[in-house]
Amino acid sequence: MIIIGKLEKFMGGPTPSTYDRLHVTINRAGLIRLNDNCYRLLGRPPAFYLYYSKEDNVIALEPVHSASAPAAFPVKTTTSGWRIQAAPLCKHYGIRIETTERFVNPEITRDGPRLLLDLTETTTVRQVRLNKRPHQPPGLADRQLAIGPR
């Protein structure tokens, strides 16, 4: 069975390993998360200066070697990487994020290193939300309906 004429070559390539790729997200609370590889390539700084270009809709993170430097945003560790609380920047510039967004092409510049995050090049990260209603014994809801609110 030969079907070569109907085949289409996939040009996407393999998914890079977590060690090799840069993975950066921002959520609705203004929390920027970096994977370990991204943080390592930026020199593992204790803090960052944050910049924003309204014209380009780009956030830039510049490593700072002291968390106590004026206007520096400290880096905190998480179970899956590193986080920077950028809510003040988002609020000041009116940056609205509705869901968790992953930056498609986070770029580390060669001069300086700075991390450039283009807000026009993101993809929504889907999260499965669990139904967290408290467990009620059988029949309790029916009794509450019969009695009515208190």
Protein backbone atom coordinates (compact mmCIF):
# COMPACT_ATOMS: atom_id res chain seq x y z
CA MET A 1 0.00 0.00 0.00
CA ILE A 2 1.70 3.23 -1.19
CA ILE A 3 0.02 6.56 -0.21
CA ILE A 4 2.95 8.98 -0.50
CA GLY A 5 0.96 11.51 -2.53
CA LYS A 6 -1.54 11.99 0.31
CA LEU A 7 1.02 12.49 3.08
CA GLU A 8 1.85 15.90 4.47
CA LYS A 9 5.23 16.54 6.07
CA PHE A 10 4.93 17.81 9.68
CA MET A 11 7.20 20.85 10.02
CA GLY A 12 6.64 21.50 13.76
CA GLY A 13 9.55 19.38 14.95
CA PRO A 14 9.86 17.64 18.32
CA THR A 15 9.01 19.30 21.63
CA PRO A 16 12.24 20.52 23.26
CA SER A 17 13.00 19.05 26.68
CA THR A 18 12.19 21.14 29.73
CA TYR A 19 15.90 21.55 30.34
CA ASP A 20 16.42 23.14 26.91
CA ARG A 21 13.34 25.33 26.43
CA LEU A 22 12.34 28.68 27.92
CA HIS A 23 8.95 28.42 29.59
CA VAL A 24 7.42 31.65 30.91
CA THR A 25 3.80 32.38 31.89
CA ILE A 26 1.80 35.25 33.34
CA ASN A 27 -1.54 34.87 35.10
CA ARG A 28 -4.48 37.16 35.87
CA ALA A 29 -2.93 38.12 39.23
CA GLY A 30 0.18 39.45 37.44
CA LEU A 31 2.38 36.57 38.56
CA ILE A 32 5.20 35.82 36.10
CA ARG A 33 6.59 32.29 36.33
CA LEU A 34 9.90 31.13 34.85
CA ASN A 35 11.14 27.58 34.45
CA ASP A 36 14.55 26.67 35.86
CA ASN A 37 16.30 26.84 32.48
CA CYS A 38 15.14 30.42 31.87
CA TYR A 39 16.14 31.48 35.39
CA ARG A 40 19.56 29.79 35.00
CA LEU A 41 20.25 31.53 31.66
CA LEU A 42 19.46 34.88 33.29
CA GLY A 43 22.14 34.23 35.95
CA ARG A 44 19.85 33.18 38.85
CA PRO A 45 19.42 36.75 40.17
CA PRO A 46 17.66 37.45 43.48
CA ALA A 47 15.49 40.13 41.79
CA PHE A 48 14.54 41.81 38.52
CA TYR A 49 13.84 45.33 37.31
CA LEU A 50 10.65 45.34 35.26
CA TYR A 51 10.09 47.44 32.13
CA TYR A 52 7.14 47.83 29.77
CA SER A 53 6.88 49.16 26.23
CA LYS A 54 3.33 50.37 25.44
CA GLU A 55 4.28 50.74 21.79
CA ASP A 56 5.46 47.13 21.42
CA ASN A 57 3.32 45.59 24.21
CA VAL A 58 6.44 43.93 25.63
CA ILE A 59 7.47 43.33 29.24
CA ALA A 60 11.21 43.17 29.92
CA LEU A 61 12.90 41.66 32.97
CA GLU A 62 16.44 42.78 33.79
CA PRO A 63 18.40 40.81 36.40
CA VAL A 64 19.38 42.71 39.56
CA HIS A 65 21.98 41.32 41.93
CA SER A 66 20.35 42.67 45.08
CA ALA A 67 16.75 42.10 46.14
CA SER A 68 16.98 45.28 48.22
CA ALA A 69 17.77 47.52 45.21
CA PRO A 70 15.19 50.30 44.74
CA ALA A 71 12.28 49.22 42.48
CA ALA A 72 13.61 45.64 42.27
CA PHE A 73 11.06 42.82 42.22
CA PRO A 74 12.29 39.84 44.28
CA VAL A 75 12.30 36.32 42.85
CA LYS A 76 10.56 33.62 44.88
CA THR A 77 10.92 29.88 44.43
CA THR A 78 7.99 27.58 43.67
CA THR A 79 7.71 23.82 43.36
CA SER A 80 7.97 24.11 39.58
CA GLY A 81 10.31 27.06 39.03
CA TRP A 82 10.53 30.74 39.94
CA ARG A 83 8.01 33.58 40.26
CA ILE A 84 7.99 37.37 40.17
CA GLN A 85 4.97 39.30 41.46
CA ALA A 86 4.43 41.81 38.63
CA ALA A 87 0.92 42.96 39.66
CA PRO A 88 2.07 46.55 40.37
CA LEU A 89 3.48 46.80 36.82
CA CYS A 90 0.27 45.36 35.32
CA LYS A 91 -1.92 47.70 37.33
CA HIS A 92 0.17 50.79 36.54
CA TYR A 93 0.18 50.16 32.78
CA GLY A 94 -3.36 48.73 32.54
CA ILE A 95 -2.17 45.29 31.42
CA ARG A 96 -5.16 42.94 31.72
CA ILE A 97 -4.62 39.20 31.64
CA GLU A 98 -7.82 37.13 31.74
CA THR A 99 -6.30 33.63 32.02
CA THR A 100 -2.87 32.10 32.43
CA GLU A 101 -0.91 32.86 29.28
CA ARG A 102 2.30 31.20 28.08
CA PHE A 103 4.72 33.35 26.09
CA VAL A 104 5.33 31.68 22.72
CA ASN A 105 8.81 33.11 22.12
CA PRO A 106 10.37 34.46 25.30
CA GLU A 107 13.70 35.98 24.25
CA ILE A 108 16.86 36.50 26.26
CA THR A 109 18.90 39.34 24.75
CA ARG A 110 22.63 38.91 24.29
CA ASP A 111 23.51 42.42 25.47
CA GLY A 112 22.81 42.61 29.12
CA PRO A 113 20.80 39.67 29.43
CA ARG A 114 17.21 40.79 29.55
CA LEU A 115 14.14 38.63 29.16
CA LEU A 116 11.67 40.04 26.62
CA LEU A 117 8.04 38.90 26.87
CA ASP A 118 5.77 39.88 23.97
CA LEU A 119 2.16 40.08 25.16
CA THR A 120 0.93 39.77 21.55
CA GLU A 121 2.58 36.34 21.23
CA THR A 122 0.97 34.21 23.93
CA THR A 123 -1.15 31.12 24.10
CA THR A 124 -3.73 30.32 26.75
CA VAL A 125 -2.75 27.63 29.21
CA ARG A 126 -5.75 25.43 29.95
CA GLN A 127 -6.20 24.27 33.50
CA VAL A 128 -8.71 21.68 34.63
CA ARG A 129 -10.61 23.02 37.59
CA LEU A 130 -11.92 20.51 40.06
CA ASN A 131 -15.39 20.87 41.51
CA LYS A 132 -14.60 21.81 45.11
CA ARG A 133 -18.09 21.84 46.60
CA PRO A 134 -18.12 20.60 50.18
CA HIS A 135 -19.54 17.13 50.60
CA GLN A 136 -23.09 17.08 51.97
CA PRO A 137 -24.71 14.01 53.50
CA PRO A 138 -27.56 12.59 51.40
CA GLY A 139 -30.85 14.34 52.02
CA LEU A 140 -29.36 17.46 53.63
CA ALA A 141 -30.07 19.62 50.56
CA ASP A 142 -33.71 18.44 50.56
CA ARG A 143 -34.12 19.31 54.25
CA GLN A 144 -32.62 22.77 53.66
CA LEU A 145 -35.11 23.39 50.84
CA ALA A 146 -38.02 22.36 53.04
CA ILE A 147 -36.92 24.50 55.97
CA GLY A 148 -35.84 27.49 53.85
CA PRO A 149 -33.03 29.95 54.45
CA ARG A 150 -32.36 31.16 57.97
